[in-house]
Amino acid sequence: MKKINQKIAVVTALVLGGISSAMAAVPADVSTSLTDLKADVTTVAGLAFAAFLVVVLFSYMRKAAN
């Protein structure tokens, strides 16, 4: 049983080592694109949140006026 656990540990280490090596080979263009995408998503999310706040505040003001 001990040898089986050792073999499982070795195989797991090799697989995880291979995954980290594969992830390190991402081209610089991809990293730049992901950074730009993050900025764009942040902008769009901010605008959507602002629009949501405008709708909620407008609704709150209409209820208060009545």
PDB file of N, CA and C in Angstrom:
ATOM      1  N   MET A   1       0.831  -1.194   0.000  1.00  0.00           N
ATOM      2  CA  MET A   1       0.000   0.000   0.000  1.00  0.00           C
ATOM      3  C   MET A   1       0.873   1.255   0.000  1.00  0.00           C
ATOM      4  N   LYS A   2       1.991   1.190   0.701  1.00  0.00           N
ATOM      5  CA  LYS A   2       2.883   2.335   0.780  1.00  0.00           C
ATOM      6  C   LYS A   2       3.495   2.652  -0.583  1.00  0.00           C
ATOM      7  N   LYS A   3       3.836   1.618  -1.350  1.00  0.00           N
ATOM      8  CA  LYS A   3       4.416   1.825  -2.680  1.00  0.00           C
ATOM      9  C   LYS A   3       3.393   2.418  -3.639  1.00  0.00           C
ATOM     10  N   ILE A   4       2.151   2.020  -3.492  1.00  0.00           N
ATOM     11  CA  ILE A   4       1.094   2.571  -4.348  1.00  0.00           C
ATOM     12  C   ILE A   4       0.928   4.057  -4.067  1.00  0.00           C
ATOM     13  N   ASN A   5       0.937   4.440  -2.790  1.00  0.00           N
ATOM     14  CA  ASN A   5       0.818   5.850  -2.434  1.00  0.00           C
ATOM     15  C   ASN A   5       1.999   6.651  -2.959  1.00  0.00           C
ATOM     16  N   GLN A   6       3.190   6.070  -2.931  1.00  0.00           N
ATOM     17  CA  GLN A   6       4.361   6.759  -3.456  1.00  0.00           C
ATOM     18  C   GLN A   6       4.241   6.946  -4.962  1.00  0.00           C
ATOM     19  N   LYS A   7       3.755   5.928  -5.660  1.00  0.00           N
ATOM     20  CA  LYS A   7       3.588   6.035  -7.102  1.00  0.00           C
ATOM     21  C   LYS A   7       2.546   7.097  -7.445  1.00  0.00           C
ATOM     22  N   ILE A   8       1.470   7.128  -6.684  1.00  0.00           N
ATOM     23  CA  ILE A   8       0.427   8.141  -6.915  1.00  0.00           C
ATOM     24  C   ILE A   8       0.999   9.532  -6.695  1.00  0.00           C
ATOM     25  N   ALA A   9       1.808   9.695  -5.664  1.00  0.00           N
ATOM     26  CA  ALA A   9       2.419  10.995  -5.380  1.00  0.00           C
ATOM     27  C   ALA A   9       3.357  11.421  -6.502  1.00  0.00           C
ATOM     28  N   VAL A  10       4.136  10.488  -7.027  1.00  0.00           N
ATOM     29  CA  VAL A  10       5.068  10.806  -8.111  1.00  0.00           C
ATOM     30  C   VAL A  10       4.299  11.189  -9.369  1.00  0.00           C
ATOM     31  N   VAL A  11       3.278  10.434  -9.712  1.00  0.00           N
ATOM     32  CA  VAL A  11       2.481  10.738 -10.911  1.00  0.00           C
ATOM     33  C   VAL A  11       1.797  12.089 -10.758  1.00  0.00           C
ATOM     34  N   THR A  12       1.259  12.367  -9.591  1.00  0.00           N
ATOM     35  CA  THR A  12       0.601  13.656  -9.346  1.00  0.00           C
ATOM     36  C   THR A  12       1.593  14.798  -9.494  1.00  0.00           C
ATOM     37  N   ALA A  13       2.782  14.637  -8.935  1.00  0.00           N
ATOM     38  CA  ALA A  13       3.805  15.682  -9.042  1.00  0.00           C
ATOM     39  C   ALA A  13       4.203  15.914 -10.500  1.00  0.00           C
ATOM     40  N   LEU A  14       4.331  14.849 -11.269  1.00  0.00           N
ATOM     41  CA  LEU A  14       4.688  14.996 -12.680  1.00  0.00           C
ATOM     42  C   LEU A  14       3.591  15.702 -13.472  1.00  0.00           C
ATOM     43  N   VAL A  15       2.350  15.335 -13.188  1.00  0.00           N
ATOM     44  CA  VAL A  15       1.230  15.956 -13.908  1.00  0.00           C
ATOM     45  C   VAL A  15       1.143  17.431 -13.555  1.00  0.00           C
ATOM     46  N   LEU A  16       1.223  17.765 -12.275  1.00  0.00           N
ATOM     47  CA  LEU A  16       1.135  19.170 -11.872  1.00  0.00           C
ATOM     48  C   LEU A  16       2.329  19.967 -12.380  1.00  0.00           C
ATOM     49  N   GLY A  17       3.484  19.361 -12.407  1.00  0.00           N
ATOM     50  CA  GLY A  17       4.654  20.022 -12.970  1.00  0.00           C
ATOM     51  C   GLY A  17       4.485  20.307 -14.446  1.00  0.00           C
ATOM     52  N   GLY A  18       3.884  19.385 -15.155  1.00  0.00           N
ATOM     53  CA  GLY A  18       3.618  19.581 -16.574  1.00  0.00           C
ATOM     54  C   GLY A  18       2.607  20.676 -16.832  1.00  0.00           C
ATOM     55  N   ILE A  19       1.614  20.777 -15.974  1.00  0.00           N
ATOM     56  CA  ILE A  19       0.596  21.817 -16.128  1.00  0.00           C
ATOM     57  C   ILE A  19       1.209  23.189 -15.916  1.00  0.00           C
ATOM     58  N   SER A  20       2.027  23.341 -14.888  1.00  0.00           N
ATOM     59  CA  SER A  20       2.625  24.650 -14.639  1.00  0.00           C
ATOM     60  C   SER A  20       3.576  25.042 -15.754  1.00  0.00           C
ATOM     61  N   SER A  21       4.278  24.084 -16.336  1.00  0.00           N
ATOM     62  CA  SER A  21       5.149  24.384 -17.459  1.00  0.00           C
ATOM     63  C   SER A  21       4.338  24.805 -18.680  1.00  0.00           C
ATOM     64  N   ALA A  22       3.231  24.164 -18.892  1.00  0.00           N
ATOM     65  CA  ALA A  22       2.388  24.505 -20.036  1.00  0.00           C
ATOM     66  C   ALA A  22       1.793  25.895 -19.872  1.00  0.00           C
ATOM     67  N   MET A  23       1.457  26.264 -18.656  1.00  0.00           N
ATOM     68  CA  MET A  23       0.873  27.575 -18.426  1.00  0.00           C
ATOM     69  C   MET A  23       1.912  28.687 -18.586  1.00  0.00           C
ATOM     70  N   ALA A  24       3.172  28.394 -18.387  1.00  0.00           N
ATOM     71  CA  ALA A  24       4.210  29.406 -18.495  1.00  0.00           C
ATOM     72  C   ALA A  24       4.497  29.769 -19.949  1.00  0.00           C
ATOM     73  N   ALA A  25       4.024  28.985 -20.896  1.00  0.00           N
ATOM     74  CA  ALA A  25       4.324  29.208 -22.302  1.00  0.00           C
ATOM     75  C   ALA A  25       3.299  30.089 -23.009  1.00  0.00           C
ATOM     76  N   VAL A  26       2.536  30.883 -22.268  1.00  0.00           N
ATOM     77  CA  VAL A  26       1.529  31.753 -22.862  1.00  0.00           C
ATOM     78  C   VAL A  26       2.235  32.935 -23.539  1.00  0.00           C
ATOM     79  N   PRO A  27       1.909  33.223 -24.784  1.00  0.00           N
ATOM     80  CA  PRO A  27       2.550  34.346 -25.482  1.00  0.00           C
ATOM     81  C   PRO A  27       2.235  35.695 -24.818  1.00  0.00           C
ATOM     82  N   ALA A  28       3.104  36.649 -25.026  1.00  0.00           N
ATOM     83  CA  ALA A  28       2.930  37.978 -24.432  1.00  0.00           C
ATOM     84  C   ALA A  28       1.683  38.670 -24.971  1.00  0.00           C
ATOM     85  N   ASP A  29       1.330  38.407 -26.232  1.00  0.00           N
ATOM     86  CA  ASP A  29       0.132  39.020 -26.816  1.00  0.00           C
ATOM     87  C   ASP A  29      -1.129  38.603 -26.063  1.00  0.00           C
ATOM     88  N   VAL A  30      -1.167  37.361 -25.632  1.00  0.00           N
ATOM     89  CA  VAL A  30      -2.329  36.868 -24.897  1.00  0.00           C
ATOM     90  C   VAL A  30      -2.432  37.571 -23.543  1.00  0.00           C
ATOM     91  N   SER A  31      -1.311  37.726 -22.863  1.00  0.00           N
ATOM     92  CA  SER A  31      -1.315  38.412 -21.573  1.00  0.00           C
ATOM     93  C   SER A  31      -1.762  39.861 -21.726  1.00  0.00           C
ATOM     94  N   THR A  32      -1.283  40.514 -22.767  1.00  0.00           N
ATOM     95  CA  THR A  32      -1.682  41.901 -23.026  1.00  0.00           C
ATOM     96  C   THR A  32      -3.172  41.986 -23.327  1.00  0.00           C
ATOM     97  N   SER A  33      -3.671  41.058 -24.114  1.00  0.00           N
ATOM     98  CA  SER A  33      -5.096  41.052 -24.454  1.00  0.00           C
ATOM     99  C   SER A  33      -5.951  40.819 -23.217  1.00  0.00           C
ATOM    100  N   LEU A  34      -5.517  39.922 -22.346  1.00  0.00           N
ATOM    101  CA  LEU A  34      -6.277  39.671 -21.120  1.00  0.00           C
ATOM    102  C   LEU A  34      -6.275  40.885 -20.207  1.00  0.00           C
ATOM    103  N   THR A  35      -5.166  41.598 -20.147  1.00  0.00           N
ATOM    104  CA  THR A  35      -5.111  42.819 -19.341  1.00  0.00           C
ATOM    105  C   THR A  35      -6.065  43.868 -19.903  1.00  0.00           C
ATOM    106  N   ASP A  36      -6.068  44.026 -21.231  1.00  0.00           N
ATOM    107  CA  ASP A  36      -6.988  44.971 -21.866  1.00  0.00           C
ATOM    108  C   ASP A  36      -8.438  44.561 -21.634  1.00  0.00           C
ATOM    109  N   LEU A  37      -8.709  43.263 -21.712  1.00  0.00           N
ATOM    110  CA  LEU A  37     -10.059  42.765 -21.478  1.00  0.00           C
ATOM    111  C   LEU A  37     -10.505  43.061 -20.058  1.00  0.00           C
ATOM    112  N   LYS A  38      -9.606  42.903 -19.099  1.00  0.00           N
ATOM    113  CA  LYS A  38      -9.938  43.189 -17.704  1.00  0.00           C
ATOM    114  C   LYS A  38     -10.334  44.655 -17.548  1.00  0.00           C
ATOM    115  N   ALA A  39      -9.599  45.548 -18.185  1.00  0.00           N
ATOM    116  CA  ALA A  39      -9.923  46.974 -18.110  1.00  0.00           C
ATOM    117  C   ALA A  39     -11.279  47.255 -18.748  1.00  0.00           C
ATOM    118  N   ASP A  40     -11.549  46.637 -19.890  1.00  0.00           N
ATOM    119  CA  ASP A  40     -12.828  46.845 -20.577  1.00  0.00           C
ATOM    120  C   ASP A  40     -13.998  46.318 -19.753  1.00  0.00           C
ATOM    121  N   VAL A  41     -13.829  45.140 -19.173  1.00  0.00           N
ATOM    122  CA  VAL A  41     -14.902  44.552 -18.357  1.00  0.00           C
ATOM    123  C   VAL A  41     -15.160  45.414 -17.133  1.00  0.00           C
ATOM    124  N   THR A  42     -14.099  45.940 -16.530  1.00  0.00           N
ATOM    125  CA  THR A  42     -14.265  46.811 -15.366  1.00  0.00           C
ATOM    126  C   THR A  42     -15.041  48.063 -15.742  1.00  0.00           C
ATOM    127  N   THR A  43     -14.752  48.632 -16.889  1.00  0.00           N
ATOM    128  CA  THR A  43     -15.463  49.828 -17.350  1.00  0.00           C
ATOM    129  C   THR A  43     -16.934  49.527 -17.594  1.00  0.00           C
ATOM    130  N   VAL A  44     -17.213  48.446 -18.298  1.00  0.00           N
ATOM    131  CA  VAL A  44     -18.602  48.093 -18.602  1.00  0.00           C
ATOM    132  C   VAL A  44     -19.371  47.777 -17.316  1.00  0.00           C
ATOM    133  N   ALA A  45     -18.741  47.065 -16.390  1.00  0.00           N
ATOM    134  CA  ALA A  45     -19.411  46.748 -15.127  1.00  0.00           C
ATOM    135  C   ALA A  45     -19.693  48.019 -14.328  1.00  0.00           C
ATOM    136  N   GLY A  46     -18.763  48.953 -14.345  1.00  0.00           N
ATOM    137  CA  GLY A  46     -18.983  50.230 -13.655  1.00  0.00           C
ATOM    138  C   GLY A  46     -20.141  51.002 -14.251  1.00  0.00           C
ATOM    139  N   LEU A  47     -20.225  51.020 -15.580  1.00  0.00           N
ATOM    140  CA  LEU A  47     -21.336  51.716 -16.234  1.00  0.00           C
ATOM    141  C   LEU A  47     -22.677  51.038 -15.962  1.00  0.00           C
ATOM    142  N   ALA A  48     -22.682  49.713 -15.949  1.00  0.00           N
ATOM    143  CA  ALA A  48     -23.916  48.986 -15.651  1.00  0.00           C
ATOM    144  C   ALA A  48     -24.357  49.245 -14.216  1.00  0.00           C
ATOM    145  N   PHE A  49     -23.404  49.284 -13.294  1.00  0.00           N
ATOM    146  CA  PHE A  49     -23.737  49.556 -11.894  1.00  0.00           C
ATOM    147  C   PHE A  49     -24.277  50.976 -11.742  1.00  0.00           C
ATOM    148  N   ALA A  50     -23.678  51.934 -12.438  1.00  0.00           N
ATOM    149  CA  ALA A  50     -24.156  53.313 -12.376  1.00  0.00           C
ATOM    150  C   ALA A  50     -25.580  53.418 -12.926  1.00  0.00           C
ATOM    151  N   ALA A  51     -25.850  52.721 -14.033  1.00  0.00           N
ATOM    152  CA  ALA A  51     -27.202  52.735 -14.598  1.00  0.00           C
ATOM    153  C   ALA A  51     -28.199  52.107 -13.636  1.00  0.00           C
ATOM    154  N   PHE A  52     -27.794  51.033 -12.979  1.00  0.00           N
ATOM    155  CA  PHE A  52     -28.661  50.392 -11.991  1.00  0.00           C
ATOM    156  C   PHE A  52     -28.962  51.355 -10.845  1.00  0.00           C
ATOM    157  N   LEU A  53     -27.942  52.068 -10.374  1.00  0.00           N
ATOM    158  CA  LEU A  53     -28.159  53.028  -9.288  1.00  0.00           C
ATOM    159  C   LEU A  53     -29.105  54.152  -9.702  1.00  0.00           C
ATOM    160  N   VAL A  54     -28.983  54.616 -10.937  1.00  0.00           N
ATOM    161  CA  VAL A  54     -29.871  55.670 -11.427  1.00  0.00           C
ATOM    162  C   VAL A  54     -31.314  55.191 -11.421  1.00  0.00           C
ATOM    163  N   VAL A  55     -31.543  53.979 -11.879  1.00  0.00           N
ATOM    164  CA  VAL A  55     -32.910  53.433 -11.910  1.00  0.00           C
ATOM    165  C   VAL A  55     -33.456  53.283 -10.491  1.00  0.00           C
ATOM    166  N   VAL A  56     -32.658  52.749  -9.580  1.00  0.00           N
ATOM    167  CA  VAL A  56     -33.113  52.560  -8.202  1.00  0.00           C
ATOM    168  C   VAL A  56     -33.380  53.893  -7.534  1.00  0.00           C
ATOM    169  N   LEU A  57     -32.482  54.848  -7.684  1.00  0.00           N
ATOM    170  CA  LEU A  57     -32.683  56.160  -7.060  1.00  0.00           C
ATOM    171  C   LEU A  57     -33.883  56.886  -7.651  1.00  0.00           C
ATOM    172  N   PHE A  58     -34.093  56.784  -8.964  1.00  0.00           N
ATOM    173  CA  PHE A  58     -35.254  57.399  -9.583  1.00  0.00           C
ATOM    174  C   PHE A  58     -36.543  56.792  -9.034  1.00  0.00           C
ATOM    175  N   SER A  59     -36.561  55.470  -8.888  1.00  0.00           N
ATOM    176  CA  SER A  59     -37.722  54.793  -8.327  1.00  0.00           C
ATOM    177  C   SER A  59     -37.957  55.226  -6.884  1.00  0.00           C
ATOM    178  N   TYR A  60     -36.890  55.345  -6.117  1.00  0.00           N
ATOM    179  CA  TYR A  60     -37.000  55.766  -4.716  1.00  0.00           C
ATOM    180  C   TYR A  60     -37.538  57.203  -4.635  1.00  0.00           C
ATOM    181  N   MET A  61     -37.084  58.075  -5.525  1.00  0.00           N
ATOM    182  CA  MET A  61     -37.549  59.456  -5.502  1.00  0.00           C
ATOM    183  C   MET A  61     -39.026  59.552  -5.896  1.00  0.00           C
ATOM    184  N   ARG A  62     -39.458  58.724  -6.836  1.00  0.00           N
ATOM    185  CA  ARG A  62     -40.876  58.747  -7.221  1.00  0.00           C
ATOM    186  C   ARG A  62     -41.775  58.281  -6.084  1.00  0.00           C
ATOM    187  N   LYS A  63     -41.309  57.241  -5.352  1.00  0.00           N
ATOM    188  CA  LYS A  63     -42.098  56.770  -4.206  1.00  0.00           C
ATOM    189  C   LYS A  63     -42.155  57.819  -3.122  1.00  0.00           C
ATOM    190  N   ALA A  64     -41.067  58.533  -2.908  1.00  0.00           N
ATOM    191  CA  ALA A  64     -41.030  59.561  -1.865  1.00  0.00           C
ATOM    192  C   ALA A  64     -41.896  60.749  -2.228  1.00  0.00           C
ATOM    193  N   ALA A  65     -42.055  61.041  -3.523  1.00  0.00           N
ATOM    194  CA  ALA A  65     -42.862  62.181  -3.966  1.00  0.00           C
ATOM    195  C   ALA A  65     -44.356  61.924  -3.779  1.00  0.00           C
ATOM    196  N   ASN A  66     -44.750  60.674  -3.766  1.00  0.00           N
ATOM    197  CA  ASN A  66     -46.185  60.346  -3.625  1.00  0.00           C
ATOM    198  C   ASN A  66     -46.601  60.278  -2.227  1.00  0.00           C
TER     199      ASN A  66
END
